[in-house]
Protein backbone atom coordinates (compact mmCIF):
# COMPACT_ATOMS: atom_id res chain seq x y z
CA MET A 1 -0.11 -33.12 12.02
CA ASN A 2 1.67 -34.24 8.87
CA PRO A 3 5.10 -32.77 8.11
CA ILE A 4 5.38 -29.36 6.46
CA THR A 5 7.50 -28.99 3.34
CA LEU A 6 8.78 -25.51 2.51
CA ARG A 7 9.99 -24.73 -0.99
CA ASP A 8 10.40 -21.95 -3.52
CA GLU A 9 7.35 -20.88 -5.48
CA THR A 10 7.10 -22.32 -8.99
CA PRO A 11 4.95 -21.13 -11.92
CA ALA A 12 2.58 -24.02 -11.22
CA ASP A 13 1.83 -22.53 -7.77
CA VAL A 14 0.39 -19.20 -8.97
CA GLY A 15 -3.26 -20.26 -8.79
CA ALA A 16 -2.88 -22.01 -5.44
CA ILE A 17 -1.06 -18.99 -3.95
CA HIS A 18 -3.90 -16.74 -5.11
CA ASP A 19 -6.52 -19.03 -3.54
CA ILE A 20 -4.56 -19.45 -0.29
CA THR A 21 -4.14 -15.70 0.04
CA VAL A 22 -7.82 -14.96 -0.61
CA ALA A 23 -8.93 -17.61 1.90
CA ALA A 24 -6.44 -16.56 4.58
CA PHE A 25 -7.44 -12.89 4.52
CA ALA A 26 -11.20 -13.32 3.90
CA PRO A 27 -12.19 -13.35 7.60
CA LEU A 28 -9.95 -10.40 8.56
CA GLU A 29 -11.95 -7.19 8.98
CA LEU A 30 -8.79 -5.04 8.92
CA SER A 31 -7.80 -6.39 5.50
CA GLY A 32 -8.60 -4.52 2.32
CA HIS A 33 -8.80 -7.99 0.69
CA THR A 34 -6.23 -7.00 -1.93
CA GLU A 35 -3.34 -9.15 -0.70
CA GLN A 36 -3.66 -11.60 -3.62
CA PHE A 37 -3.30 -8.66 -6.04
CA VAL A 38 -0.21 -7.45 -4.18
CA VAL A 39 1.45 -10.85 -4.63
CA GLN A 40 0.46 -10.89 -8.30
CA ALA A 41 1.84 -7.37 -8.85
CA LEU A 42 5.08 -8.19 -7.01
CA ARG A 43 5.49 -11.28 -9.19
CA ALA A 44 4.79 -9.28 -12.38
CA ALA A 45 7.38 -6.67 -11.33
CA HIS A 46 9.97 -9.40 -10.60
CA ALA A 47 10.08 -8.06 -7.04
CA LEU A 48 9.55 -11.31 -5.13
CA THR A 49 13.00 -11.71 -3.60
CA VAL A 50 11.82 -14.70 -1.58
CA SER A 51 8.51 -16.44 -2.30
CA LEU A 52 7.95 -19.67 -0.40
CA VAL A 53 5.17 -22.23 -0.46
CA ALA A 54 4.29 -24.51 2.44
CA GLU A 55 2.92 -27.93 1.57
CA VAL A 56 1.21 -30.58 3.65
CA ASP A 57 0.70 -33.96 1.99
CA GLY A 58 1.91 -32.46 -1.29
CA GLN A 59 -0.76 -29.74 -1.29
CA PRO A 60 0.05 -26.03 -1.00
CA VAL A 61 -1.43 -24.66 2.22
CA GLY A 62 0.65 -21.54 2.87
CA HIS A 63 2.70 -18.81 1.21
CA ILE A 64 5.02 -15.98 2.21
CA ALA A 65 6.46 -13.13 0.17
CA PHE A 66 9.47 -10.88 0.78
CA SER A 67 10.24 -7.90 -1.45
CA PRO A 68 12.71 -5.00 -1.40
CA VAL A 69 11.84 -1.80 0.45
CA THR A 70 13.36 1.65 0.15
CA LEU A 71 14.54 3.53 3.24
CA SER A 72 14.62 7.33 3.26
CA ASP A 73 18.09 7.36 4.86
CA GLY A 74 19.46 5.35 1.93
CA THR A 75 20.22 2.18 3.90
CA PRO A 76 20.30 -0.65 1.32
CA ASP A 77 19.35 -4.32 1.48
CA TRP A 78 16.18 -4.11 3.56
CA TYR A 79 13.08 -6.12 2.73
CA GLY A 80 9.39 -6.17 3.53
CA LEU A 81 7.63 -9.30 4.76
CA GLY A 82 4.17 -9.84 3.46
CA PRO A 83 1.78 -11.03 2.84
CA VAL A 84 2.00 -14.31 4.70
CA SER A 85 -0.99 -16.59 4.19
CA VAL A 86 -2.11 -19.96 5.51
CA LEU A 87 -5.37 -21.70 4.62
CA PRO A 88 -7.78 -21.34 7.56
CA ALA A 89 -8.02 -25.12 8.09
CA HIS A 90 -4.23 -25.24 8.55
CA GLN A 91 -3.78 -22.18 10.76
CA ARG A 92 -2.43 -22.48 14.30
CA GLN A 93 -0.33 -25.50 13.32
CA GLY A 94 3.05 -23.76 12.99
CA ILE A 95 2.94 -23.27 9.22
CA GLY A 96 3.10 -19.47 9.32
CA LYS A 97 5.87 -19.65 11.90
CA ALA A 98 7.85 -22.07 9.72
CA LEU A 99 7.39 -19.83 6.66
CA ILE A 100 8.58 -16.76 8.57
CA HIS A 101 11.64 -18.50 10.02
CA GLU A 102 12.64 -19.96 6.66
CA GLY A 103 12.03 -16.69 4.83
CA LEU A 104 14.13 -14.71 7.30
CA ALA A 105 16.91 -17.31 7.04
CA ARG A 106 16.86 -16.97 3.26
CA LEU A 107 17.04 -13.18 3.48
CA LYS A 108 20.04 -13.46 5.79
CA ALA A 109 21.70 -15.84 3.31
CA LEU A 110 21.24 -13.12 0.67
CA HIS A 111 23.12 -10.70 3.00
CA ALA A 112 20.01 -8.66 3.75
CA ARG A 113 20.48 -6.09 6.49
CA GLY A 114 16.94 -6.23 7.84
CA CYS A 115 13.24 -6.76 7.36
CA CYS A 116 10.10 -4.82 8.22
CA LEU A 117 6.37 -5.44 8.13
CA VAL A 118 2.91 -4.31 9.09
CA GLY A 119 1.26 -6.86 11.33
CA HIS A 120 -0.29 -7.99 14.58
CA PRO A 121 1.75 -6.87 17.61
CA ALA A 122 1.23 -10.05 19.63
CA TYR A 123 2.42 -12.27 16.76
CA TYR A 124 5.52 -10.73 15.21
CA ARG A 125 7.43 -9.88 18.38
CA ARG A 126 8.11 -13.59 18.90
CA PHE A 127 10.33 -13.50 15.78
CA GLY A 128 12.41 -10.60 17.09
CA PHE A 129 10.53 -7.83 15.30
CA GLU A 130 10.11 -4.65 17.29
CA ASN A 131 8.45 -1.28 17.06
CA THR A 132 11.12 1.37 16.67
CA PRO A 133 10.65 5.12 16.98
CA ASP A 134 13.42 5.70 14.42
CA LEU A 135 11.74 3.91 11.52
CA SER A 136 8.18 4.39 10.29
CA LEU A 137 5.77 3.76 7.44
CA ASP A 138 3.63 6.73 6.45
CA GLY A 139 -0.03 6.28 7.32
CA VAL A 140 0.57 3.23 9.52
CA PRO A 141 0.22 3.37 13.32
CA PRO A 142 3.59 2.72 14.99
CA ASP A 143 2.22 -0.14 17.10
CA VAL A 144 1.64 -2.31 13.98
CA PHE A 145 4.84 -1.40 12.10
CA PHE A 146 7.78 -3.67 12.95
CA ALA A 147 11.43 -3.92 12.01
CA LEU A 148 14.14 -6.51 12.57
CA SER A 149 17.77 -5.60 11.96
CA PHE A 150 20.04 -8.48 10.96
CA ASP A 151 23.28 -6.50 11.43
CA GLY A 152 22.45 -4.73 14.71
CA ARG A 153 21.98 -1.31 13.08
CA MET A 154 18.48 0.11 12.88
CA PRO A 155 18.07 2.67 10.09
CA CYS A 156 16.29 5.98 10.65
CA GLY A 157 13.54 7.51 8.56
CA THR A 158 10.62 6.22 6.59
CA VAL A 159 10.10 2.98 4.70
CA SER A 160 8.52 2.71 1.27
CA PHE A 161 7.23 -0.69 0.24
CA HIS A 162 7.28 -1.67 -3.44
CA PRO A 163 4.58 0.11 -5.51
CA ALA A 164 2.92 -3.31 -5.98
CA PHE A 165 1.53 -2.90 -2.46
CA MET A 166 -0.89 -0.34 -3.91
CA ALA A 167 -2.51 -3.01 -6.14
CA THR A 168 -6.27 -3.12 -5.71
CA GLY A 169 -7.18 -5.47 -8.54
CA PRO A 170 -5.69 -7.93 -10.99
CA ALA A 171 -2.56 -6.73 -12.75
CA SER A 172 -3.15 -5.71 -16.33
CA GLU A 173 -2.24 -8.51 -18.68
CA SER A 174 -0.52 -6.01 -20.98
CA SER A 175 1.44 -4.32 -18.20
CA GLN A 176 5.15 -4.58 -18.77
CA ASP A 177 6.29 -2.73 -15.69
CA GLY A 178 4.34 -4.72 -13.09
CA ARG A 179 2.10 -1.90 -11.87
CA ALA A 180 -1.36 -2.98 -10.93
CA GLY A 181 -4.13 -2.42 -13.39
CA SER A 182 -7.44 -0.78 -12.57
C-alpha cells in the first residue's frame, strides 16, 4: 500500500469529504445515511475542532471529524468523534486507524480532557475507548457508546453532541447559525 498522508481539511476538500462520507456509509444498514449532512452542518456552525483528511497518492480517501460535546455535569473540554469515513476500496488498510490516532493526538494537544463516540464495540476498544456506566447518550444503547478520558477522570451524566448531529439534509444556504435545513 502507498503511504498515507494526514492533513487538515481545506476548503478545496469539501466535495471530496462529502463523497467519501456518502460512499463509506452507503453499505451500512444501521446508518441513517445523513453523516455527510452532519459534517456539512458542523462545518457551517464552525464546530469542527479537528477535521482531518487522509490522502493516498494525493487523492483524498478518508476523513474524520471531532466537535465539542456538552456534559450534563459541566465538565468542559470534551469532544465527540465522528463521523470517520474511508472510501470502501481503501478500507481495512489502516487509514481509519491512522485518522483516529492523529485526531486524538490533536485533541490532546488542544488540552482536551476526553472524547466520546457512538460506534462498533469491536473496533473502538482498541483505541482505549470504553463503555462506562457513569456517562451516557440519551437514546443510544450503552454497548455502542464509548468514552476515553485523557486526564484519568471520567465525568458523570449525559452527553449532548452538537445540534449539527440532527442534520438530515443539506444545510440551508441562507442559514447563518449552522443548523441543518429541511
